Amino acid sequence: MNLFYKILYYFQKRGFEVCRRIAERLGIRTRVVRTSFIYLTFVTLGFGFALYLFLTFLLRIKDLIYTKRTSVFDL
């Protein structure tokens, strides 16, 4: 059971952080966004999880494209 908690802690700390980023953008608490995704997943039989993965993909692509550079020579 200890291995399970280590894996769970790893994903909580180093996961995709989609819910946190959406909550910061909307100005609400992260817990509300996570709960909304959970309810959406149960109500729509998996659509919430698919939406979560799609948002993860979009945020990852955005991070790769829009990187902040400190200088003109960082190309």
N, C-alpha and C. Protein backbone atom coordinates (compact mmCIF):
# COMPACT_ATOMS: atom_id res chain seq x y z
N MET A 1 0.82 -1.19 0.00
CA MET A 1 0.00 0.00 0.00
C MET A 1 0.87 1.26 0.00
N ASN A 2 2.05 1.17 0.56
CA ASN A 2 2.95 2.31 0.60
C ASN A 2 3.37 2.71 -0.82
N LEU A 3 3.58 1.74 -1.70
CA LEU A 3 3.94 2.02 -3.09
C LEU A 3 2.81 2.77 -3.78
N PHE A 4 1.57 2.40 -3.48
CA PHE A 4 0.42 3.08 -4.06
C PHE A 4 0.41 4.56 -3.70
N TYR A 5 0.68 4.88 -2.46
CA TYR A 5 0.69 6.28 -2.02
C TYR A 5 1.87 7.07 -2.62
N LYS A 6 2.99 6.40 -2.84
CA LYS A 6 4.12 7.06 -3.49
C LYS A 6 3.78 7.42 -4.94
N ILE A 7 3.14 6.49 -5.63
CA ILE A 7 2.73 6.75 -7.01
C ILE A 7 1.67 7.85 -7.05
N LEU A 8 0.71 7.80 -6.15
CA LEU A 8 -0.33 8.82 -6.08
C LEU A 8 0.26 10.20 -5.79
N TYR A 9 1.20 10.27 -4.88
CA TYR A 9 1.85 11.54 -4.56
C TYR A 9 2.63 12.07 -5.75
N TYR A 10 3.30 11.18 -6.49
CA TYR A 10 4.06 11.60 -7.66
C TYR A 10 3.14 12.25 -8.69
N PHE A 11 2.01 11.63 -8.98
CA PHE A 11 1.10 12.19 -9.99
C PHE A 11 0.42 13.46 -9.50
N GLN A 12 0.19 13.58 -8.21
CA GLN A 12 -0.42 14.79 -7.70
C GLN A 12 0.55 15.97 -7.78
N LYS A 13 1.83 15.75 -7.53
CA LYS A 13 2.80 16.83 -7.53
C LYS A 13 3.35 17.15 -8.91
N ARG A 14 3.47 16.14 -9.78
CA ARG A 14 4.11 16.35 -11.07
C ARG A 14 3.21 16.00 -12.24
N GLY A 15 1.92 16.06 -12.02
CA GLY A 15 0.97 15.75 -13.08
C GLY A 15 0.86 16.88 -14.08
N PHE A 16 -0.17 16.83 -14.86
CA PHE A 16 -0.34 17.81 -15.92
C PHE A 16 -0.80 19.17 -15.41
N GLU A 17 -1.36 19.21 -14.24
CA GLU A 17 -1.81 20.45 -13.59
C GLU A 17 -2.83 21.21 -14.42
N VAL A 18 -3.67 20.48 -15.12
CA VAL A 18 -4.70 21.11 -15.94
C VAL A 18 -5.70 21.84 -15.06
N CYS A 19 -6.14 21.21 -14.01
CA CYS A 19 -7.15 21.82 -13.15
C CYS A 19 -6.62 23.08 -12.48
N ARG A 20 -5.37 23.06 -12.05
CA ARG A 20 -4.81 24.24 -11.40
C ARG A 20 -4.71 25.41 -12.37
N ARG A 21 -4.28 25.13 -13.58
CA ARG A 21 -4.13 26.20 -14.57
C ARG A 21 -5.48 26.77 -14.99
N ILE A 22 -6.48 25.91 -15.14
CA ILE A 22 -7.82 26.40 -15.48
C ILE A 22 -8.37 27.23 -14.33
N ALA A 23 -8.15 26.78 -13.09
CA ALA A 23 -8.65 27.51 -11.93
C ALA A 23 -7.98 28.88 -11.81
N GLU A 24 -6.69 28.95 -12.07
CA GLU A 24 -6.01 30.24 -12.03
C GLU A 24 -6.54 31.18 -13.11
N ARG A 25 -6.81 30.63 -14.28
CA ARG A 25 -7.32 31.45 -15.39
C ARG A 25 -8.72 31.99 -15.06
N LEU A 26 -9.56 31.16 -14.44
CA LEU A 26 -10.93 31.57 -14.13
C LEU A 26 -11.04 32.31 -12.80
N GLY A 27 -10.02 32.22 -11.96
CA GLY A 27 -10.04 32.90 -10.67
C GLY A 27 -10.87 32.17 -9.62
N ILE A 28 -10.94 30.85 -9.71
CA ILE A 28 -11.67 30.06 -8.72
C ILE A 28 -10.72 29.05 -8.09
N ARG A 29 -11.23 28.31 -7.10
CA ARG A 29 -10.39 27.34 -6.41
C ARG A 29 -10.20 26.09 -7.25
N THR A 30 -9.07 25.45 -7.09
CA THR A 30 -8.73 24.26 -7.85
C THR A 30 -9.68 23.11 -7.51
N ARG A 31 -10.08 23.03 -6.27
CA ARG A 31 -10.97 21.96 -5.83
C ARG A 31 -12.29 21.98 -6.58
N VAL A 32 -12.79 23.16 -6.88
CA VAL A 32 -14.05 23.29 -7.61
C VAL A 32 -13.90 22.75 -9.03
N VAL A 33 -12.78 23.03 -9.66
CA VAL A 33 -12.55 22.55 -11.02
C VAL A 33 -12.40 21.03 -11.03
N ARG A 34 -11.66 20.49 -10.09
CA ARG A 34 -11.49 19.04 -10.02
C ARG A 34 -12.82 18.34 -9.78
N THR A 35 -13.61 18.87 -8.87
CA THR A 35 -14.92 18.29 -8.59
C THR A 35 -15.83 18.36 -9.81
N SER A 36 -15.75 19.45 -10.55
CA SER A 36 -16.56 19.58 -11.76
C SER A 36 -16.16 18.54 -12.80
N PHE A 37 -14.87 18.30 -12.97
CA PHE A 37 -14.42 17.27 -13.91
C PHE A 37 -14.90 15.88 -13.47
N ILE A 38 -14.87 15.61 -12.18
CA ILE A 38 -15.32 14.31 -11.68
C ILE A 38 -16.81 14.13 -11.94
N TYR A 39 -17.62 15.13 -11.61
CA TYR A 39 -19.06 15.03 -11.85
C TYR A 39 -19.38 14.93 -13.33
N LEU A 40 -18.67 15.69 -14.15
CA LEU A 40 -18.89 15.64 -15.59
C LEU A 40 -18.56 14.26 -16.14
N THR A 41 -17.53 13.63 -15.61
CA THR A 41 -17.16 12.29 -16.06
C THR A 41 -18.23 11.28 -15.72
N PHE A 42 -18.78 11.34 -14.51
CA PHE A 42 -19.81 10.39 -14.12
C PHE A 42 -21.12 10.62 -14.85
N VAL A 43 -21.49 11.87 -15.04
CA VAL A 43 -22.78 12.19 -15.66
C VAL A 43 -22.76 11.84 -17.15
N THR A 44 -21.68 12.14 -17.83
CA THR A 44 -21.64 11.93 -19.28
C THR A 44 -20.91 10.66 -19.68
N LEU A 45 -20.64 9.79 -18.74
CA LEU A 45 -20.03 8.48 -18.99
C LEU A 45 -18.68 8.57 -19.72
N GLY A 46 -17.82 9.44 -19.24
CA GLY A 46 -16.46 9.50 -19.74
C GLY A 46 -16.12 10.73 -20.55
N PHE A 47 -17.08 11.57 -20.88
CA PHE A 47 -16.78 12.76 -21.67
C PHE A 47 -15.88 13.72 -20.90
N GLY A 48 -16.06 13.81 -19.59
CA GLY A 48 -15.22 14.70 -18.78
C GLY A 48 -13.77 14.28 -18.80
N PHE A 49 -13.52 12.98 -18.77
CA PHE A 49 -12.15 12.49 -18.84
C PHE A 49 -11.53 12.77 -20.20
N ALA A 50 -12.33 12.59 -21.26
CA ALA A 50 -11.85 12.90 -22.61
C ALA A 50 -11.55 14.40 -22.74
N LEU A 51 -12.41 15.23 -22.16
CA LEU A 51 -12.19 16.68 -22.18
C LEU A 51 -10.92 17.03 -21.42
N TYR A 52 -10.68 16.38 -20.29
CA TYR A 52 -9.48 16.61 -19.49
C TYR A 52 -8.23 16.27 -20.30
N LEU A 53 -8.24 15.14 -20.98
CA LEU A 53 -7.08 14.75 -21.79
C LEU A 53 -6.87 15.71 -22.95
N PHE A 54 -7.96 16.18 -23.56
CA PHE A 54 -7.85 17.14 -24.65
C PHE A 54 -7.25 18.45 -24.16
N LEU A 55 -7.69 18.94 -23.01
CA LEU A 55 -7.13 20.16 -22.45
C LEU A 55 -5.67 19.98 -22.06
N THR A 56 -5.32 18.80 -21.58
CA THR A 56 -3.92 18.51 -21.28
C THR A 56 -3.07 18.62 -22.53
N PHE A 57 -3.56 18.05 -23.61
CA PHE A 57 -2.84 18.12 -24.88
C PHE A 57 -2.68 19.57 -25.34
N LEU A 58 -3.75 20.36 -25.27
CA LEU A 58 -3.68 21.75 -25.70
C LEU A 58 -2.72 22.57 -24.85
N LEU A 59 -2.76 22.38 -23.54
CA LEU A 59 -1.86 23.13 -22.67
C LEU A 59 -0.41 22.73 -22.91
N ARG A 60 -0.16 21.47 -23.20
CA ARG A 60 1.20 21.02 -23.46
C ARG A 60 1.72 21.64 -24.77
N ILE A 61 0.87 21.68 -25.78
CA ILE A 61 1.26 22.30 -27.05
C ILE A 61 1.50 23.79 -26.87
N LYS A 62 0.64 24.47 -26.10
CA LYS A 62 0.81 25.90 -25.84
C LYS A 62 2.12 26.17 -25.13
N ASP A 63 2.47 25.32 -24.19
CA ASP A 63 3.74 25.49 -23.47
C ASP A 63 4.94 25.30 -24.40
N LEU A 64 4.82 24.42 -25.35
CA LEU A 64 5.92 24.21 -26.28
C LEU A 64 6.07 25.36 -27.26
N ILE A 65 4.96 25.97 -27.65
CA ILE A 65 5.01 27.05 -28.64
C ILE A 65 5.35 28.38 -28.00
N TYR A 66 4.66 28.73 -26.94
CA TYR A 66 4.85 30.02 -26.30
C TYR A 66 5.81 29.89 -25.12
N THR A 67 7.07 29.95 -25.38
CA THR A 67 8.06 29.94 -24.30
C THR A 67 8.58 31.35 -24.12
N LYS A 68 8.74 31.74 -22.89
CA LYS A 68 9.24 33.08 -22.61
C LYS A 68 10.76 33.10 -22.74
N ARG A 69 11.23 33.97 -23.54
CA ARG A 69 12.66 34.11 -23.73
C ARG A 69 13.14 35.40 -23.06
N THR A 70 14.27 35.31 -22.45
CA THR A 70 14.80 36.46 -21.73
C THR A 70 15.57 37.40 -22.64
N SER A 71 16.00 36.90 -23.78
CA SER A 71 16.83 37.71 -24.66
C SER A 71 16.51 37.37 -26.12
N VAL A 72 16.90 38.25 -27.00
CA VAL A 72 16.72 38.01 -28.42
C VAL A 72 17.63 36.86 -28.88
N PHE A 73 18.71 36.66 -28.19
CA PHE A 73 19.69 35.67 -28.61
C PHE A 73 19.37 34.26 -28.10
N ASP A 74 18.21 34.07 -27.46
CA ASP A 74 17.83 32.75 -26.95
C ASP A 74 17.10 31.91 -27.98
N LEU A 75 17.16 32.25 -29.22
CA LEU A 75 16.50 31.48 -30.26
C LEU A 75 17.23 30.18 -30.44
